[in-house]
Amino acid sequence: MASDDRPTGKQCDYLLALGVKVRESVTRAQVSQLMDEAKSEGDAPPNDVQRAVAHDWGVDLSNAKNRWAACGSLMQFIIARRWVVSVCRRQAAARWRFYRDSGLPEHITTELAHWFLSQPGYLDAVEGMEVGETTTGDAWFRLTDRKCADFEPYLATAQRAFELLGATLARPKVDRSTAQPVKKKPTGCLVFVVVSVFVAVYSTFTLVKAMT
């Protein structure tokens, strides 16, 4: 099969989250059909593939009422896993094409991915970053020197990976104290502002009513 006719790593990841394992002989056109079929069954309960993958990675699907919900939970973990392996590849100065080429113990990769998801704001910070669309390997985040130099999620992940893997990876070269903090969604502030505005409007209304 020509490389141009193969599905990309991102397509395979998304199909896996939808509950479809992609065979090596599957073409890109067939992948599109498989996606359409999987999406048409999105309201059905999580299937055996999704439950098996979730079990292997320790992803909780107990609240996933259908395949769409299971897909969302699995995609979060897939992104986290893609991120930590991409960071490890850069820290090892390696040219791995597939995640399996890294030789990283699966339990370490899984532990790092769960740790990453537990850090407030980290997933949101990396979700929109560029990912390679290669058809001859897995999907990898494109990590440049400029992006990583003061990017807190990168530096923290690199440090955590170094602590777990030791000499397998290089120690992060930049002091994390110079990193830019991750911006968190201002949900608490928004609630406070809304409540304050309501109280002010109610007080004004009460005062006007009393004067009349």
Protein backbone atom coordinates (compact mmCIF):
# COMPACT_ATOMS: atom_id res chain seq x y z
CA MET A 1 0.00 0.00 0.00
CA ALA A 2 1.33 3.45 -0.92
CA SER A 3 2.05 5.69 2.06
CA ASP A 4 -0.32 8.35 0.70
CA ASP A 5 -3.19 5.85 0.89
CA ARG A 6 -2.66 5.02 4.54
CA PRO A 7 -4.65 6.66 7.33
CA THR A 8 -2.83 9.19 9.51
CA GLY A 9 -1.92 8.54 13.12
CA LYS A 10 -4.55 11.08 14.21
CA GLN A 11 -7.26 9.27 12.25
CA CYS A 12 -6.31 5.96 13.85
CA ASP A 13 -6.38 7.55 17.31
CA TYR A 14 -9.85 8.98 16.74
CA LEU A 15 -11.17 5.67 15.43
CA LEU A 16 -9.78 3.87 18.46
CA ALA A 17 -11.57 6.34 20.74
CA LEU A 18 -14.76 5.66 18.77
CA GLY A 19 -14.29 1.94 19.43
CA VAL A 20 -12.75 0.74 16.15
CA LYS A 21 -9.33 -0.90 15.90
CA VAL A 22 -7.68 -0.15 12.56
CA ARG A 23 -5.99 -2.99 10.68
CA GLU A 24 -2.70 -2.24 8.91
CA SER A 25 -4.28 -3.02 5.54
CA VAL A 26 -7.02 -0.38 5.91
CA THR A 27 -6.87 2.51 3.43
CA ARG A 28 -7.66 6.15 4.11
CA ALA A 29 -10.91 5.87 2.14
CA GLN A 30 -11.96 2.88 4.24
CA VAL A 31 -11.13 4.80 7.41
CA SER A 32 -13.57 7.54 6.40
CA GLN A 33 -16.27 4.91 5.97
CA LEU A 34 -15.43 3.34 9.32
CA MET A 35 -15.69 6.75 10.98
CA ASP A 36 -19.11 7.38 9.47
CA GLU A 37 -20.33 3.97 10.65
CA ALA A 38 -18.95 4.49 14.16
CA LYS A 39 -20.48 7.97 14.42
CA SER A 40 -23.87 6.61 13.35
CA GLU A 41 -23.74 4.34 16.41
CA GLY A 42 -22.64 7.08 18.79
CA ASP A 43 -25.77 6.88 20.93
CA ALA A 44 -25.25 3.16 21.60
CA PRO A 45 -23.56 2.04 24.86
CA PRO A 46 -19.73 1.89 24.88
CA ASN A 47 -18.59 -1.12 22.86
CA ASP A 48 -16.14 -3.90 23.73
CA VAL A 49 -13.16 -2.14 22.13
CA GLN A 50 -13.74 1.05 24.12
CA ARG A 51 -14.16 -0.86 27.38
CA ALA A 52 -11.02 -2.94 26.73
CA VAL A 53 -8.90 0.11 25.90
CA ALA A 54 -10.26 1.96 28.93
CA HIS A 55 -9.39 -1.02 31.14
CA ASP A 56 -5.83 -1.18 29.80
CA TRP A 57 -5.26 2.54 30.36
CA GLY A 58 -7.18 2.88 33.60
CA VAL A 59 -9.73 5.28 32.13
CA ASP A 60 -13.03 5.42 34.02
CA LEU A 61 -16.05 4.93 31.74
CA SER A 62 -18.56 4.28 34.51
CA ASN A 63 -20.40 7.53 33.71
CA ALA A 64 -20.18 7.14 29.93
CA LYS A 65 -23.76 6.49 28.82
CA ASN A 66 -22.92 6.07 25.14
CA ARG A 67 -20.07 5.71 22.66
CA TRP A 68 -19.78 9.48 22.21
CA ALA A 69 -19.15 9.99 25.92
CA ALA A 70 -16.65 7.11 25.99
CA CYS A 71 -14.93 8.61 22.95
CA GLY A 72 -14.52 11.93 24.75
CA SER A 73 -12.90 10.33 27.79
CA LEU A 74 -10.60 8.15 25.68
CA MET A 75 -9.57 11.06 23.45
CA GLN A 76 -8.50 13.05 26.49
CA PHE A 77 -6.24 10.20 27.52
CA ILE A 78 -4.97 9.72 23.95
CA ILE A 79 -3.99 13.39 23.80
CA ALA A 80 -2.26 13.15 27.19
CA ARG A 81 -0.44 9.98 26.11
CA ARG A 82 0.59 11.59 22.81
CA TRP A 83 1.90 14.59 24.73
CA VAL A 84 4.03 12.71 27.26
CA VAL A 85 5.58 10.42 24.61
CA SER A 86 6.29 13.46 22.40
CA VAL A 87 8.02 15.17 25.33
CA CYS A 88 10.05 12.02 26.03
CA ARG A 89 11.09 11.77 22.38
CA ARG A 90 12.36 15.33 22.42
CA GLN A 91 14.17 14.88 25.74
CA ALA A 92 15.81 11.71 24.41
CA ALA A 93 16.77 13.49 21.14
CA ALA A 94 15.22 10.50 19.36
CA ARG A 95 13.50 10.04 16.00
CA TRP A 96 10.88 7.47 16.94
CA ARG A 97 8.18 6.95 14.31
CA PHE A 98 5.85 4.85 16.45
CA TYR A 99 5.24 5.04 20.18
CA ARG A 100 6.38 1.44 20.49
CA ASP A 101 9.79 2.46 19.11
CA SER A 102 10.41 4.44 22.29
CA GLY A 103 10.85 1.34 24.42
CA LEU A 104 9.11 3.23 27.24
CA PRO A 105 7.40 0.86 29.68
CA GLU A 106 3.67 1.04 29.06
CA HIS A 107 2.90 1.44 32.77
CA ILE A 108 5.21 4.48 32.91
CA THR A 109 3.58 6.05 29.86
CA THR A 110 0.16 5.44 31.41
CA GLU A 111 1.24 6.87 34.76
CA LEU A 112 2.64 9.98 33.08
CA ALA A 113 -0.55 10.48 31.06
CA HIS A 114 -2.73 10.25 34.18
CA TRP A 115 -0.40 12.63 36.02
CA PHE A 116 -0.63 15.09 33.11
CA LEU A 117 -4.44 14.99 33.13
CA SER A 118 -4.42 15.70 36.87
CA GLN A 119 -2.59 19.03 36.37
CA PRO A 120 -5.07 21.95 36.15
CA GLY A 121 -5.08 23.65 32.77
CA TYR A 122 -2.46 21.43 31.12
CA LEU A 123 -4.79 19.57 28.76
CA ASP A 124 -6.43 22.81 27.60
CA ALA A 125 -2.98 24.32 27.04
CA VAL A 126 -1.80 21.62 24.63
CA GLU A 127 -5.02 20.55 22.87
CA GLY A 128 -4.69 23.20 20.16
CA MET A 129 -0.99 22.64 19.49
CA GLU A 130 0.14 21.39 16.09
CA VAL A 131 0.29 17.63 15.58
CA GLY A 132 2.09 15.91 12.71
CA GLU A 133 -0.27 14.37 10.13
CA THR A 134 2.07 11.58 9.07
CA THR A 135 0.85 8.41 7.38
CA THR A 136 4.01 6.47 8.23
CA GLY A 137 3.89 6.62 12.01
CA ASP A 138 1.95 7.67 15.08
CA ALA A 139 0.74 11.22 15.74
CA TRP A 140 3.32 13.42 17.49
CA PHE A 141 3.15 16.94 18.85
CA ARG A 142 5.49 19.33 17.02
CA LEU A 143 7.69 20.67 19.81
CA THR A 144 10.06 23.51 18.93
CA ASP A 145 12.76 25.14 21.05
CA ARG A 146 10.85 28.41 21.03
CA LYS A 147 7.64 26.77 22.23
CA CYS A 148 9.22 24.58 24.90
CA ALA A 149 11.70 27.01 26.43
CA ASP A 150 9.26 28.56 28.91
CA PHE A 151 6.14 26.41 28.46
CA GLU A 152 5.14 25.14 31.90
CA PRO A 153 3.32 21.96 30.73
CA TYR A 154 6.42 20.92 28.75
CA LEU A 155 8.93 21.66 31.51
CA ALA A 156 6.81 19.99 34.18
CA THR A 157 6.22 16.90 32.03
CA ALA A 158 9.91 16.66 31.15
CA GLN A 159 10.85 16.89 34.83
CA ARG A 160 8.28 14.28 35.84
CA ALA A 161 9.42 11.93 33.06
CA PHE A 162 13.05 12.38 34.12
CA GLU A 163 12.14 11.48 37.71
CA LEU A 164 10.48 8.25 36.55
CA LEU A 165 12.91 7.23 33.81
CA GLY A 166 16.22 8.64 35.04
CA ALA A 167 19.16 8.51 32.63
CA THR A 168 16.93 7.39 29.76
CA LEU A 169 16.08 11.06 29.20
CA ALA A 170 17.95 14.33 29.46
CA ARG A 171 17.30 16.49 32.48
CA PRO A 172 15.21 19.57 31.53
CA LYS A 173 17.69 22.31 30.61
CA VAL A 174 15.56 25.30 31.60
CA ASP A 175 14.74 26.35 35.13
CA ARG A 176 10.98 25.94 35.62
CA SER A 177 10.94 29.10 37.69
CA THR A 178 11.12 31.07 34.40
CA ALA A 179 8.10 29.28 32.92
CA GLN A 180 4.91 31.07 32.06
CA PRO A 181 2.05 29.91 34.32
CA VAL A 182 -0.82 28.07 32.70
CA LYS A 183 -3.92 30.25 32.38
CA LYS A 184 -6.93 28.69 34.06
CA LYS A 185 -10.52 29.28 33.13
CA PRO A 186 -11.87 32.12 35.36
CA THR A 187 -15.04 30.29 36.37
CA GLY A 188 -14.93 31.42 39.99
CA CYS A 189 -14.37 35.07 39.07
CA LEU A 190 -17.23 34.96 36.58
CA VAL A 191 -19.63 33.64 39.21
CA PHE A 192 -18.52 36.35 41.62
CA VAL A 193 -19.10 39.09 39.03
CA VAL A 194 -22.55 37.76 38.13
CA VAL A 195 -23.59 37.56 41.79
CA SER A 196 -22.23 41.06 42.48
CA VAL A 197 -24.17 42.55 39.56
CA PHE A 198 -27.36 40.81 40.70
CA VAL A 199 -26.97 42.12 44.25
CA ALA A 200 -26.36 45.66 43.00
CA VAL A 201 -29.40 45.60 40.70
CA TYR A 202 -31.61 44.14 43.45
CA SER A 203 -30.44 46.75 45.99
CA THR A 204 -31.15 49.60 43.55
CA PHE A 205 -34.62 48.22 42.79
CA THR A 206 -35.41 47.91 46.51
CA LEU A 207 -34.24 51.47 47.19
CA VAL A 208 -36.29 52.95 44.35
CA LYS A 209 -39.38 51.02 45.48
CA ALA A 210 -38.97 52.28 49.05
CA MET A 211 -38.66 55.90 47.90
CA THR A 212 -41.87 55.64 45.86
